[in-house]
N, C-alpha and C. Protein backbone atom coordinates (compact mmCIF):
# COMPACT_ATOMS: atom_id res chain seq x y z
N MET A 1 12.86 -2.25 -15.05
CA MET A 1 11.56 -1.69 -14.69
C MET A 1 11.74 -0.65 -13.58
N LEU A 2 11.16 0.53 -13.78
CA LEU A 2 11.19 1.56 -12.76
C LEU A 2 10.18 1.23 -11.66
N PRO A 3 10.43 1.69 -10.43
CA PRO A 3 9.51 1.36 -9.34
C PRO A 3 8.20 2.13 -9.38
N GLU A 4 8.12 3.15 -10.23
CA GLU A 4 6.90 3.95 -10.31
C GLU A 4 6.43 4.03 -11.76
N PRO A 5 5.17 3.71 -12.05
CA PRO A 5 4.65 3.83 -13.41
C PRO A 5 4.45 5.29 -13.79
N ALA A 6 4.33 5.52 -15.07
CA ALA A 6 3.97 6.86 -15.53
C ALA A 6 2.57 7.21 -15.03
N ARG A 7 2.33 8.46 -14.79
CA ARG A 7 1.01 8.88 -14.30
C ARG A 7 -0.10 8.43 -15.25
N ASP A 8 0.17 8.47 -16.56
CA ASP A 8 -0.82 8.07 -17.55
C ASP A 8 -0.58 6.64 -18.04
N CYS A 9 -0.18 5.77 -17.15
CA CYS A 9 0.10 4.36 -17.49
C CYS A 9 -1.02 3.78 -18.35
N GLN A 10 -0.61 3.06 -19.40
CA GLN A 10 -1.56 2.53 -20.38
C GLN A 10 -1.67 1.01 -20.35
N LEU A 11 -1.17 0.35 -19.32
CA LEU A 11 -1.08 -1.10 -19.32
C LEU A 11 -2.44 -1.81 -19.28
N CYS A 12 -3.43 -1.20 -18.66
CA CYS A 12 -4.72 -1.88 -18.45
C CYS A 12 -5.84 -1.09 -19.10
N ASP A 13 -6.41 -1.63 -20.17
CA ASP A 13 -7.43 -0.91 -20.93
C ASP A 13 -8.61 -0.49 -20.07
N ARG A 14 -9.09 -1.39 -19.23
CA ARG A 14 -10.25 -1.08 -18.40
C ARG A 14 -9.97 0.07 -17.44
N LEU A 15 -8.79 0.07 -16.84
CA LEU A 15 -8.43 1.13 -15.90
C LEU A 15 -8.19 2.45 -16.61
N VAL A 16 -7.64 2.40 -17.81
CA VAL A 16 -7.44 3.62 -18.60
C VAL A 16 -8.79 4.24 -18.95
N GLU A 17 -9.74 3.39 -19.34
CA GLU A 17 -11.08 3.89 -19.68
C GLU A 17 -11.76 4.49 -18.46
N PHE A 18 -11.63 3.81 -17.32
CA PHE A 18 -12.25 4.33 -16.10
C PHE A 18 -11.59 5.65 -15.68
N ARG A 19 -10.28 5.73 -15.84
CA ARG A 19 -9.57 6.98 -15.54
C ARG A 19 -10.08 8.12 -16.41
N SER A 20 -10.30 7.84 -17.68
CA SER A 20 -10.79 8.87 -18.60
C SER A 20 -12.16 9.38 -18.18
N ASP A 21 -13.01 8.45 -17.72
CA ASP A 21 -14.32 8.85 -17.22
C ASP A 21 -14.19 9.76 -16.00
N CYS A 22 -13.27 9.41 -15.10
CA CYS A 22 -13.06 10.23 -13.90
C CYS A 22 -12.50 11.60 -14.26
N GLN A 23 -11.61 11.64 -15.24
CA GLN A 23 -11.05 12.91 -15.67
C GLN A 23 -12.12 13.83 -16.23
N ALA A 24 -13.06 13.24 -16.96
CA ALA A 24 -14.14 14.04 -17.53
C ALA A 24 -15.05 14.61 -16.45
N GLN A 25 -15.29 13.81 -15.40
CA GLN A 25 -16.16 14.25 -14.31
C GLN A 25 -15.45 15.14 -13.30
N HIS A 26 -14.15 14.88 -13.10
CA HIS A 26 -13.39 15.62 -12.09
C HIS A 26 -12.03 16.04 -12.66
N PRO A 27 -11.99 17.00 -13.54
CA PRO A 27 -10.73 17.36 -14.19
C PRO A 27 -9.68 17.93 -13.24
N ASP A 28 -10.09 18.34 -12.04
CA ASP A 28 -9.14 18.91 -11.08
C ASP A 28 -8.54 17.85 -10.16
N TRP A 29 -8.93 16.58 -10.31
CA TRP A 29 -8.37 15.50 -9.49
C TRP A 29 -7.07 15.00 -10.09
N PHE A 30 -6.34 14.20 -9.34
CA PHE A 30 -5.07 13.64 -9.81
C PHE A 30 -5.30 12.70 -10.99
N ASN A 31 -6.21 11.74 -10.85
CA ASN A 31 -6.61 10.86 -11.96
C ASN A 31 -5.43 10.23 -12.68
N GLY A 32 -4.65 9.46 -11.97
CA GLY A 32 -3.51 8.79 -12.60
C GLY A 32 -2.97 7.68 -11.74
N ALA A 33 -1.93 7.02 -12.23
CA ALA A 33 -1.24 6.01 -11.44
C ALA A 33 -0.58 6.71 -10.25
N VAL A 34 -0.96 6.32 -9.05
CA VAL A 34 -0.52 7.02 -7.84
C VAL A 34 0.86 6.52 -7.43
N PRO A 35 1.83 7.42 -7.29
CA PRO A 35 3.17 7.00 -6.90
C PRO A 35 3.25 6.64 -5.42
N SER A 36 4.25 5.86 -5.08
CA SER A 36 4.51 5.52 -3.68
C SER A 36 4.88 6.78 -2.91
N PHE A 37 4.70 6.72 -1.61
CA PHE A 37 4.96 7.88 -0.75
C PHE A 37 5.81 7.43 0.42
N GLY A 38 6.95 8.13 0.63
CA GLY A 38 7.76 7.83 1.79
C GLY A 38 9.24 7.90 1.53
N SER A 39 10.00 7.27 2.42
CA SER A 39 11.46 7.37 2.42
C SER A 39 12.10 6.26 1.60
N ASP A 40 13.08 6.64 0.78
CA ASP A 40 13.80 5.65 -0.04
C ASP A 40 14.72 4.77 0.82
N THR A 41 14.92 5.14 2.07
CA THR A 41 15.74 4.32 2.98
C THR A 41 14.86 3.59 4.00
N ALA A 42 13.58 3.46 3.69
CA ALA A 42 12.63 2.86 4.63
C ALA A 42 12.95 1.41 4.93
N GLN A 43 12.76 1.04 6.18
CA GLN A 43 12.81 -0.38 6.57
C GLN A 43 11.43 -1.02 6.50
N LEU A 44 10.39 -0.20 6.47
CA LEU A 44 9.01 -0.68 6.45
C LEU A 44 8.31 -0.22 5.18
N LEU A 45 7.70 -1.18 4.49
CA LEU A 45 6.86 -0.88 3.33
C LEU A 45 5.44 -1.34 3.64
N ILE A 46 4.49 -0.46 3.42
CA ILE A 46 3.07 -0.79 3.58
C ILE A 46 2.46 -0.93 2.19
N VAL A 47 1.80 -2.05 1.95
CA VAL A 47 1.20 -2.32 0.64
C VAL A 47 -0.31 -2.35 0.79
N GLY A 48 -0.99 -1.43 0.11
CA GLY A 48 -2.44 -1.41 0.09
C GLY A 48 -2.96 -2.09 -1.16
N LEU A 49 -4.26 -1.98 -1.38
CA LEU A 49 -4.90 -2.61 -2.53
C LEU A 49 -4.76 -1.75 -3.78
N ALA A 50 -5.38 -0.58 -3.77
CA ALA A 50 -5.41 0.30 -4.94
C ALA A 50 -5.89 1.68 -4.48
N PRO A 51 -5.67 2.72 -5.28
CA PRO A 51 -6.17 4.05 -4.90
C PRO A 51 -7.68 4.06 -4.74
N GLY A 52 -8.16 4.81 -3.77
CA GLY A 52 -9.60 4.99 -3.59
C GLY A 52 -10.09 6.16 -4.42
N MET A 53 -11.35 6.12 -4.79
CA MET A 53 -11.93 7.17 -5.62
C MET A 53 -11.79 8.54 -4.96
N GLN A 54 -12.24 8.66 -3.71
CA GLN A 54 -12.20 9.94 -3.01
C GLN A 54 -10.87 10.18 -2.31
N GLY A 55 -10.03 9.15 -2.28
CA GLY A 55 -8.74 9.28 -1.62
C GLY A 55 -7.63 9.55 -2.60
N ALA A 56 -6.76 8.55 -2.82
CA ALA A 56 -5.55 8.77 -3.61
C ALA A 56 -5.82 9.17 -5.05
N ASN A 57 -6.90 8.67 -5.66
CA ASN A 57 -7.18 9.08 -7.04
C ASN A 57 -7.49 10.56 -7.11
N ARG A 58 -8.00 11.11 -6.04
CA ARG A 58 -8.30 12.55 -6.00
C ARG A 58 -7.08 13.36 -5.63
N THR A 59 -6.32 12.89 -4.64
CA THR A 59 -5.23 13.70 -4.09
C THR A 59 -3.86 13.38 -4.67
N GLY A 60 -3.69 12.17 -5.20
CA GLY A 60 -2.39 11.79 -5.77
C GLY A 60 -1.40 11.26 -4.76
N ARG A 61 -1.85 10.92 -3.55
CA ARG A 61 -0.96 10.34 -2.54
C ARG A 61 -1.68 9.16 -1.89
N PRO A 62 -0.99 8.03 -1.69
CA PRO A 62 -1.66 6.85 -1.14
C PRO A 62 -2.36 7.13 0.19
N PHE A 63 -3.58 6.61 0.30
CA PHE A 63 -4.36 6.68 1.54
C PHE A 63 -4.57 8.11 2.03
N THR A 64 -4.69 9.03 1.12
CA THR A 64 -4.83 10.44 1.51
C THR A 64 -6.17 10.98 1.02
N GLY A 65 -7.02 11.35 1.97
CA GLY A 65 -8.29 11.96 1.62
C GLY A 65 -9.50 11.10 1.90
N ASP A 66 -9.31 9.89 2.44
CA ASP A 66 -10.45 9.05 2.77
C ASP A 66 -10.27 8.46 4.17
N TYR A 67 -11.28 7.74 4.64
CA TYR A 67 -11.24 7.25 6.02
C TYR A 67 -10.08 6.30 6.27
N ALA A 68 -9.77 5.45 5.31
CA ALA A 68 -8.67 4.51 5.50
C ALA A 68 -7.38 5.25 5.84
N GLY A 69 -7.17 6.38 5.20
CA GLY A 69 -5.99 7.18 5.49
C GLY A 69 -6.02 7.79 6.87
N ASP A 70 -7.20 8.18 7.33
CA ASP A 70 -7.30 8.74 8.68
C ASP A 70 -6.76 7.76 9.71
N LEU A 71 -7.19 6.51 9.61
CA LEU A 71 -6.74 5.50 10.57
C LEU A 71 -5.27 5.14 10.36
N LEU A 72 -4.87 4.98 9.11
CA LEU A 72 -3.48 4.58 8.83
C LEU A 72 -2.50 5.63 9.30
N TYR A 73 -2.71 6.87 8.91
CA TYR A 73 -1.73 7.91 9.26
C TYR A 73 -1.74 8.24 10.75
N GLU A 74 -2.89 8.13 11.40
CA GLU A 74 -2.92 8.31 12.85
C GLU A 74 -2.08 7.22 13.53
N THR A 75 -2.22 6.00 13.04
CA THR A 75 -1.47 4.89 13.61
C THR A 75 0.03 5.05 13.36
N LEU A 76 0.41 5.42 12.15
CA LEU A 76 1.82 5.62 11.84
C LEU A 76 2.43 6.70 12.72
N ASP A 77 1.69 7.77 12.93
CA ASP A 77 2.19 8.86 13.78
C ASP A 77 2.41 8.38 15.21
N SER A 78 1.50 7.56 15.71
CA SER A 78 1.61 7.11 17.10
C SER A 78 2.80 6.20 17.32
N PHE A 79 3.33 5.59 16.23
CA PHE A 79 4.50 4.72 16.35
C PHE A 79 5.77 5.38 15.82
N GLY A 80 5.71 6.68 15.55
CA GLY A 80 6.90 7.42 15.16
C GLY A 80 7.30 7.26 13.71
N PHE A 81 6.37 6.79 12.87
CA PHE A 81 6.70 6.60 11.46
C PHE A 81 6.38 7.82 10.60
N SER A 82 6.04 8.93 11.23
CA SER A 82 5.78 10.15 10.46
C SER A 82 6.09 11.38 11.30
N THR A 83 6.29 12.49 10.59
CA THR A 83 6.43 13.80 11.22
C THR A 83 5.50 14.77 10.52
N GLY A 84 5.12 15.82 11.24
CA GLY A 84 4.16 16.76 10.68
C GLY A 84 2.75 16.29 10.97
N SER A 85 1.78 17.01 10.43
CA SER A 85 0.38 16.70 10.69
C SER A 85 -0.30 16.25 9.40
N TYR A 86 -1.07 15.18 9.52
CA TYR A 86 -1.83 14.69 8.39
C TYR A 86 -3.03 15.58 8.15
N GLY A 87 -3.09 16.20 6.98
CA GLY A 87 -4.18 17.09 6.65
C GLY A 87 -5.05 16.61 5.53
N ALA A 88 -4.94 15.32 5.19
CA ALA A 88 -5.77 14.70 4.14
C ALA A 88 -5.57 15.35 2.79
N ALA A 89 -4.38 15.89 2.56
CA ALA A 89 -4.04 16.50 1.28
C ALA A 89 -2.57 16.24 0.99
N ALA A 90 -2.24 16.11 -0.28
CA ALA A 90 -0.86 15.77 -0.64
C ALA A 90 0.12 16.87 -0.29
N ASN A 91 -0.36 18.09 -0.10
CA ASN A 91 0.52 19.22 0.23
C ASN A 91 0.44 19.61 1.71
N ASP A 92 0.06 18.65 2.57
CA ASP A 92 -0.09 18.98 3.99
C ASP A 92 1.23 19.03 4.75
N GLY A 93 2.33 18.67 4.08
CA GLY A 93 3.64 18.72 4.72
C GLY A 93 4.01 17.47 5.50
N LEU A 94 3.15 16.48 5.53
CA LEU A 94 3.44 15.24 6.24
C LEU A 94 4.61 14.52 5.59
N LYS A 95 5.50 13.98 6.41
CA LYS A 95 6.63 13.18 5.92
C LYS A 95 6.66 11.85 6.67
N LEU A 96 6.98 10.80 5.96
CA LEU A 96 7.11 9.50 6.60
C LEU A 96 8.55 9.26 7.03
N VAL A 97 8.70 8.56 8.14
CA VAL A 97 10.00 8.27 8.73
C VAL A 97 10.22 6.76 8.72
N ASN A 98 11.26 6.32 8.01
CA ASN A 98 11.60 4.90 7.95
C ASN A 98 10.45 4.06 7.40
N CYS A 99 9.64 4.64 6.55
CA CYS A 99 8.42 3.99 6.08
C CYS A 99 8.07 4.47 4.68
N MET A 100 7.49 3.58 3.88
CA MET A 100 6.96 3.94 2.57
C MET A 100 5.62 3.24 2.39
N ILE A 101 4.72 3.89 1.66
CA ILE A 101 3.40 3.33 1.37
C ILE A 101 3.23 3.23 -0.14
N THR A 102 2.72 2.08 -0.58
CA THR A 102 2.46 1.88 -2.00
C THR A 102 1.17 1.07 -2.13
N ASN A 103 0.81 0.70 -3.35
CA ASN A 103 -0.36 -0.12 -3.60
C ASN A 103 -0.03 -1.25 -4.56
N ALA A 104 -0.74 -2.37 -4.41
CA ALA A 104 -0.55 -3.50 -5.32
C ALA A 104 -0.95 -3.12 -6.73
N VAL A 105 -1.99 -2.31 -6.86
CA VAL A 105 -2.44 -1.77 -8.14
C VAL A 105 -2.42 -0.25 -8.03
N ARG A 106 -1.75 0.41 -8.97
CA ARG A 106 -1.50 1.84 -8.81
C ARG A 106 -2.61 2.74 -9.35
N CYS A 107 -3.51 2.20 -10.16
CA CYS A 107 -4.58 3.00 -10.74
C CYS A 107 -5.93 2.61 -10.13
N LEU A 108 -6.84 3.56 -10.09
CA LEU A 108 -8.17 3.34 -9.53
C LEU A 108 -8.95 2.31 -10.33
N PRO A 109 -9.40 1.21 -9.69
CA PRO A 109 -10.25 0.25 -10.39
C PRO A 109 -11.73 0.50 -10.10
N PRO A 110 -12.60 0.18 -11.04
CA PRO A 110 -14.04 0.31 -10.77
C PRO A 110 -14.44 -0.49 -9.54
N GLN A 111 -15.25 0.12 -8.68
CA GLN A 111 -15.74 -0.51 -7.45
C GLN A 111 -14.60 -1.00 -6.55
N ASN A 112 -13.42 -0.43 -6.74
CA ASN A 112 -12.24 -0.79 -5.95
C ASN A 112 -11.91 -2.27 -6.05
N LYS A 113 -12.19 -2.88 -7.22
CA LYS A 113 -11.96 -4.30 -7.42
C LYS A 113 -11.13 -4.53 -8.68
N PRO A 114 -9.81 -4.59 -8.55
CA PRO A 114 -8.98 -4.90 -9.72
C PRO A 114 -9.15 -6.36 -10.13
N THR A 115 -8.96 -6.63 -11.41
CA THR A 115 -9.00 -8.00 -11.89
C THR A 115 -7.65 -8.66 -11.64
N THR A 116 -7.64 -9.98 -11.76
CA THR A 116 -6.39 -10.72 -11.61
C THR A 116 -5.37 -10.26 -12.64
N ALA A 117 -5.82 -10.04 -13.87
CA ALA A 117 -4.91 -9.60 -14.93
C ALA A 117 -4.31 -8.24 -14.59
N GLU A 118 -5.09 -7.33 -14.02
CA GLU A 118 -4.60 -6.00 -13.67
C GLU A 118 -3.59 -6.08 -12.54
N ILE A 119 -3.84 -6.94 -11.58
CA ILE A 119 -2.88 -7.14 -10.49
C ILE A 119 -1.56 -7.67 -11.04
N ASN A 120 -1.65 -8.62 -11.96
CA ASN A 120 -0.45 -9.20 -12.55
C ASN A 120 0.34 -8.18 -13.38
N ARG A 121 -0.37 -7.33 -14.11
CA ARG A 121 0.33 -6.33 -14.93
C ARG A 121 1.04 -5.29 -14.07
N CYS A 122 0.48 -5.03 -12.92
CA CYS A 122 1.07 -4.00 -12.05
C CYS A 122 2.15 -4.56 -11.14
N ARG A 123 2.24 -5.90 -11.03
CA ARG A 123 3.17 -6.49 -10.09
C ARG A 123 4.63 -6.11 -10.34
N PRO A 124 5.09 -5.96 -11.59
CA PRO A 124 6.49 -5.56 -11.78
C PRO A 124 6.86 -4.25 -11.10
N PHE A 125 5.89 -3.36 -10.93
CA PHE A 125 6.18 -2.11 -10.22
C PHE A 125 6.38 -2.37 -8.74
N LEU A 126 5.61 -3.30 -8.18
CA LEU A 126 5.80 -3.66 -6.77
C LEU A 126 7.16 -4.34 -6.59
N GLU A 127 7.50 -5.21 -7.52
CA GLU A 127 8.80 -5.88 -7.45
C GLU A 127 9.94 -4.87 -7.52
N ALA A 128 9.81 -3.92 -8.44
CA ALA A 128 10.85 -2.89 -8.56
C ALA A 128 10.88 -1.98 -7.34
N ARG A 129 9.70 -1.74 -6.76
CA ARG A 129 9.64 -0.87 -5.57
C ARG A 129 10.37 -1.53 -4.41
N ILE A 130 10.13 -2.82 -4.21
CA ILE A 130 10.80 -3.54 -3.14
C ILE A 130 12.30 -3.59 -3.38
N SER A 131 12.70 -3.86 -4.61
CA SER A 131 14.13 -3.93 -4.96
C SER A 131 14.83 -2.60 -4.76
N ALA A 132 14.09 -1.51 -4.89
CA ALA A 132 14.69 -0.17 -4.76
C ALA A 132 14.77 0.30 -3.31
N LEU A 133 14.35 -0.54 -2.37
CA LEU A 133 14.44 -0.21 -0.95
C LEU A 133 15.52 -1.09 -0.32
N PRO A 134 16.76 -0.64 -0.30
CA PRO A 134 17.87 -1.50 0.15
C PRO A 134 17.80 -1.88 1.62
N ASP A 135 17.10 -1.08 2.43
CA ASP A 135 17.08 -1.34 3.87
C ASP A 135 15.80 -2.02 4.34
N ILE A 136 14.94 -2.43 3.43
CA ILE A 136 13.64 -2.97 3.82
C ILE A 136 13.80 -4.23 4.66
N ARG A 137 13.05 -4.26 5.76
CA ARG A 137 13.05 -5.44 6.65
C ARG A 137 11.66 -5.97 6.91
N ALA A 138 10.64 -5.12 6.72
CA ALA A 138 9.28 -5.54 7.03
C ALA A 138 8.30 -4.96 6.02
N ILE A 139 7.27 -5.73 5.74
CA ILE A 139 6.18 -5.30 4.87
C ILE A 139 4.87 -5.55 5.60
N VAL A 140 3.98 -4.57 5.59
CA VAL A 140 2.63 -4.76 6.09
C VAL A 140 1.70 -4.82 4.89
N ALA A 141 1.01 -5.93 4.73
CA ALA A 141 0.03 -6.09 3.65
C ALA A 141 -1.36 -5.80 4.21
N LEU A 142 -2.02 -4.83 3.62
CA LEU A 142 -3.36 -4.45 4.06
C LEU A 142 -4.39 -5.18 3.21
N GLY A 143 -4.81 -6.33 3.68
CA GLY A 143 -5.80 -7.13 2.98
C GLY A 143 -5.20 -8.28 2.20
N ARG A 144 -6.07 -9.22 1.83
CA ARG A 144 -5.61 -10.44 1.18
C ARG A 144 -5.00 -10.19 -0.19
N ILE A 145 -5.57 -9.27 -0.98
CA ILE A 145 -5.02 -9.03 -2.32
C ILE A 145 -3.61 -8.48 -2.22
N ALA A 146 -3.40 -7.53 -1.31
CA ALA A 146 -2.05 -6.99 -1.11
C ALA A 146 -1.11 -8.08 -0.62
N HIS A 147 -1.60 -8.93 0.27
CA HIS A 147 -0.79 -10.05 0.77
C HIS A 147 -0.39 -10.98 -0.38
N ASP A 148 -1.36 -11.40 -1.19
CA ASP A 148 -1.06 -12.32 -2.28
C ASP A 148 -0.10 -11.70 -3.28
N ALA A 149 -0.31 -10.44 -3.62
CA ALA A 149 0.58 -9.77 -4.57
C ALA A 149 2.00 -9.70 -4.04
N THR A 150 2.14 -9.45 -2.74
CA THR A 150 3.46 -9.37 -2.13
C THR A 150 4.14 -10.73 -2.10
N VAL A 151 3.38 -11.76 -1.75
CA VAL A 151 3.94 -13.12 -1.68
C VAL A 151 4.47 -13.54 -3.05
N VAL A 152 3.69 -13.33 -4.10
CA VAL A 152 4.12 -13.70 -5.44
C VAL A 152 5.31 -12.85 -5.87
N THR A 153 5.29 -11.58 -5.54
CA THR A 153 6.40 -10.68 -5.87
C THR A 153 7.70 -11.16 -5.23
N LEU A 154 7.59 -11.75 -4.05
CA LEU A 154 8.78 -12.23 -3.34
C LEU A 154 9.15 -13.66 -3.73
N GLY A 155 8.53 -14.16 -4.79
CA GLY A 155 8.97 -15.42 -5.38
C GLY A 155 8.32 -16.68 -4.85
N LEU A 156 7.20 -16.52 -4.11
CA LEU A 156 6.51 -17.69 -3.55
C LEU A 156 5.12 -17.84 -4.17
N LYS A 157 4.56 -19.02 -4.04
CA LYS A 157 3.19 -19.24 -4.47
C LYS A 157 2.23 -18.73 -3.41
N LYS A 158 1.07 -18.26 -3.87
CA LYS A 158 0.08 -17.75 -2.92
C LYS A 158 -0.32 -18.81 -1.91
N SER A 159 -0.34 -20.06 -2.33
CA SER A 159 -0.74 -21.14 -1.43
C SER A 159 0.29 -21.41 -0.33
N ALA A 160 1.50 -20.86 -0.50
CA ALA A 160 2.57 -21.14 0.47
C ALA A 160 2.37 -20.38 1.77
N LEU A 161 1.77 -19.19 1.70
CA LEU A 161 1.59 -18.37 2.89
C LEU A 161 0.16 -17.84 2.91
N LYS A 162 -0.61 -18.29 3.86
CA LYS A 162 -2.01 -17.89 3.95
C LYS A 162 -2.14 -16.54 4.66
N PHE A 163 -3.06 -15.72 4.14
CA PHE A 163 -3.35 -14.44 4.77
C PHE A 163 -4.13 -14.65 6.07
N GLY A 164 -3.77 -13.88 7.08
CA GLY A 164 -4.53 -13.89 8.33
C GLY A 164 -4.19 -12.65 9.13
N HIS A 165 -5.18 -11.95 9.60
CA HIS A 165 -4.90 -10.74 10.36
C HIS A 165 -3.99 -11.04 11.55
N GLY A 166 -2.93 -10.26 11.68
CA GLY A 166 -1.99 -10.43 12.77
C GLY A 166 -0.90 -11.45 12.50
N ALA A 167 -0.97 -12.12 11.34
CA ALA A 167 0.04 -13.12 11.02
C ALA A 167 1.37 -12.47 10.66
N ARG A 168 2.44 -13.19 10.93
CA ARG A 168 3.80 -12.75 10.56
C ARG A 168 4.47 -13.90 9.81
N HIS A 169 5.02 -13.57 8.65
CA HIS A 169 5.67 -14.57 7.81
C HIS A 169 7.12 -14.16 7.55
N GLU A 170 8.01 -15.10 7.64
CA GLU A 170 9.43 -14.85 7.37
C GLU A 170 9.76 -15.33 5.96
N ILE A 171 10.29 -14.45 5.13
CA ILE A 171 10.52 -14.75 3.72
C ILE A 171 11.95 -14.38 3.34
N GLU A 172 12.61 -15.24 2.62
CA GLU A 172 13.91 -14.93 2.06
C GLU A 172 13.74 -14.12 0.78
N ARG A 173 14.43 -13.02 0.67
CA ARG A 173 14.34 -12.21 -0.54
C ARG A 173 14.85 -13.00 -1.73
N PRO A 174 14.15 -12.95 -2.88
CA PRO A 174 14.59 -13.69 -4.06
C PRO A 174 15.91 -13.19 -4.63
N ASP A 175 16.29 -11.94 -4.28
CA ASP A 175 17.55 -11.40 -4.78
C ASP A 175 18.72 -11.72 -3.84
N GLY A 176 18.47 -12.52 -2.81
CA GLY A 176 19.52 -12.90 -1.89
C GLY A 176 19.87 -11.83 -0.88
N GLY A 177 19.00 -10.84 -0.73
CA GLY A 177 19.29 -9.72 0.15
C GLY A 177 18.88 -9.92 1.59
N GLY A 178 18.62 -11.15 1.99
CA GLY A 178 18.29 -11.41 3.38
C GLY A 178 16.81 -11.67 3.57
N LYS A 179 16.36 -11.59 4.83
CA LYS A 179 14.98 -11.91 5.17
C LYS A 179 14.11 -10.65 5.19
N ILE A 180 12.86 -10.86 4.81
CA ILE A 180 11.82 -9.86 4.96
C ILE A 180 10.70 -10.48 5.79
N TYR A 181 10.17 -9.73 6.73
CA TYR A 181 9.06 -10.19 7.53
C TYR A 181 7.78 -9.55 7.00
N LEU A 182 6.84 -10.38 6.60
CA LEU A 182 5.56 -9.93 6.08
C LEU A 182 4.50 -10.02 7.17
N PHE A 183 3.90 -8.89 7.48
CA PHE A 183 2.84 -8.81 8.48
C PHE A 183 1.51 -8.57 7.77
N ASP A 184 0.49 -9.29 8.19
CA ASP A 184 -0.84 -9.16 7.59
C ASP A 184 -1.78 -8.37 8.48
N SER A 185 -2.60 -7.55 7.83
CA SER A 185 -3.67 -6.86 8.54
C SER A 185 -4.89 -6.78 7.64
N TYR A 186 -6.07 -6.84 8.25
CA TYR A 186 -7.25 -6.48 7.48
C TYR A 186 -7.06 -5.05 6.99
N HIS A 187 -7.63 -4.76 5.84
CA HIS A 187 -7.52 -3.42 5.29
C HIS A 187 -8.23 -2.43 6.21
N CYS A 188 -7.65 -1.25 6.35
CA CYS A 188 -8.20 -0.23 7.26
C CYS A 188 -9.31 0.58 6.59
N SER A 189 -10.19 -0.08 5.88
CA SER A 189 -11.30 0.58 5.19
C SER A 189 -12.42 0.91 6.18
N ARG A 190 -13.26 1.84 5.77
CA ARG A 190 -14.40 2.19 6.61
C ARG A 190 -15.33 0.98 6.81
N TYR A 191 -15.49 0.18 5.77
CA TYR A 191 -16.36 -1.00 5.88
C TYR A 191 -15.85 -1.94 6.98
N ASN A 192 -14.55 -2.22 6.97
CA ASN A 192 -14.00 -3.15 7.97
C ASN A 192 -14.09 -2.60 9.38
N THR A 193 -13.89 -1.31 9.54
CA THR A 193 -13.96 -0.73 10.89
C THR A 193 -15.41 -0.57 11.35
N ASN A 194 -16.31 -0.22 10.42
CA ASN A 194 -17.72 -0.07 10.80
C ASN A 194 -18.35 -1.40 11.21
N THR A 195 -17.91 -2.48 10.57
CA THR A 195 -18.47 -3.79 10.89
C THR A 195 -17.77 -4.45 12.07
N GLY A 196 -16.70 -3.84 12.57
CA GLY A 196 -15.97 -4.40 13.68
C GLY A 196 -14.98 -5.48 13.30
N ARG A 197 -14.85 -5.73 12.01
CA ARG A 197 -13.86 -6.72 11.59
C ARG A 197 -12.46 -6.27 11.97
N LEU A 198 -12.24 -4.96 11.88
CA LEU A 198 -10.96 -4.38 12.30
C LEU A 198 -11.23 -3.24 13.26
N THR A 199 -10.62 -3.29 14.42
CA THR A 199 -10.71 -2.19 15.38
C THR A 199 -9.40 -1.44 15.39
N PRO A 200 -9.40 -0.18 15.83
CA PRO A 200 -8.13 0.55 15.94
C PRO A 200 -7.11 -0.18 16.80
N GLU A 201 -7.59 -0.87 17.83
CA GLU A 201 -6.68 -1.61 18.71
C GLU A 201 -6.03 -2.78 17.96
N MET A 202 -6.82 -3.48 17.15
CA MET A 202 -6.28 -4.57 16.35
C MET A 202 -5.23 -4.05 15.36
N PHE A 203 -5.51 -2.91 14.78
CA PHE A 203 -4.60 -2.32 13.80
C PHE A 203 -3.30 -1.89 14.48
N ARG A 204 -3.43 -1.27 15.65
CA ARG A 204 -2.25 -0.84 16.38
C ARG A 204 -1.38 -2.03 16.79
N GLN A 205 -1.99 -3.15 17.10
CA GLN A 205 -1.22 -4.31 17.51
C GLN A 205 -0.31 -4.80 16.39
N VAL A 206 -0.80 -4.72 15.15
CA VAL A 206 0.04 -5.11 14.01
C VAL A 206 1.29 -4.23 13.97
N PHE A 207 1.12 -2.94 14.13
CA PHE A 207 2.26 -2.04 14.05
C PHE A 207 3.13 -2.12 15.30
N ASN A 208 2.56 -2.51 16.40
CA ASN A 208 3.37 -2.79 17.57
C ASN A 208 4.30 -3.97 17.31
N ASP A 209 3.77 -4.99 16.64
CA ASP A 209 4.59 -6.15 16.27
C ASP A 209 5.67 -5.75 15.27
N VAL A 210 5.31 -4.90 14.33
CA VAL A 210 6.29 -4.42 13.33
C VAL A 210 7.42 -3.67 14.03
N GLN A 211 7.05 -2.77 14.92
CA GLN A 211 8.06 -1.97 15.61
C GLN A 211 8.99 -2.87 16.44
N SER A 212 8.45 -3.88 17.09
CA SER A 212 9.28 -4.82 17.85
C SER A 212 10.24 -5.55 16.94
N CYS A 213 9.77 -5.91 15.75
CA CYS A 213 10.64 -6.58 14.77
C CYS A 213 11.76 -5.67 14.33
N LEU A 214 11.44 -4.43 14.01
CA LEU A 214 12.47 -3.50 13.53
C LEU A 214 13.47 -3.14 14.62
N ASN A 215 13.04 -3.19 15.86
CA ASN A 215 13.92 -2.84 16.98
C ASN A 215 14.75 -4.01 17.47
N SER A 216 14.49 -5.20 16.95
CA SER A 216 15.21 -6.38 17.43
C SER A 216 16.56 -6.54 16.75
């Protein structure tokens, strides 16, 4: 299995139909399975939920073009995980340093809510993505769905590791490649920040913990 699906991935009928509707309404948008973004030698992998309508589904780059990306990329820059300036466009010249961003589900789901079956069908790409990062030491899961998908991908049951903002979990790689530290954060969506469930300070603390882990 390759770590990136074809742009016109056909695995999920509902998502293919929704993509076709988006293509008809917005033919100039990316409208496809969004590839991961970042360094192939990354020690840090960030796993989101799925492309956003106005974000990655439009621009073709994870967390690019919507509010969640504004907070994520600002935070990554402040911890030295990027160079260049984030311009909310895939051609803004931004590069990630020692970091890669992907999604548990690569295609835009209606109402940003993938089904369990869609998450399961997309999981082999997450597994292949992790396997293709030989230096990976830490994963940040943005939200419970990303957390659960990552836990199962790493060979554990969802019930074995509970999601909790700020939590850190130590996991043995199923391929025998050593330990991976899984860090949990509430998703950096506008809803979570507007309601105060997630503040920029809370988000920064997660990445402060990640940086301490990578530097140890």
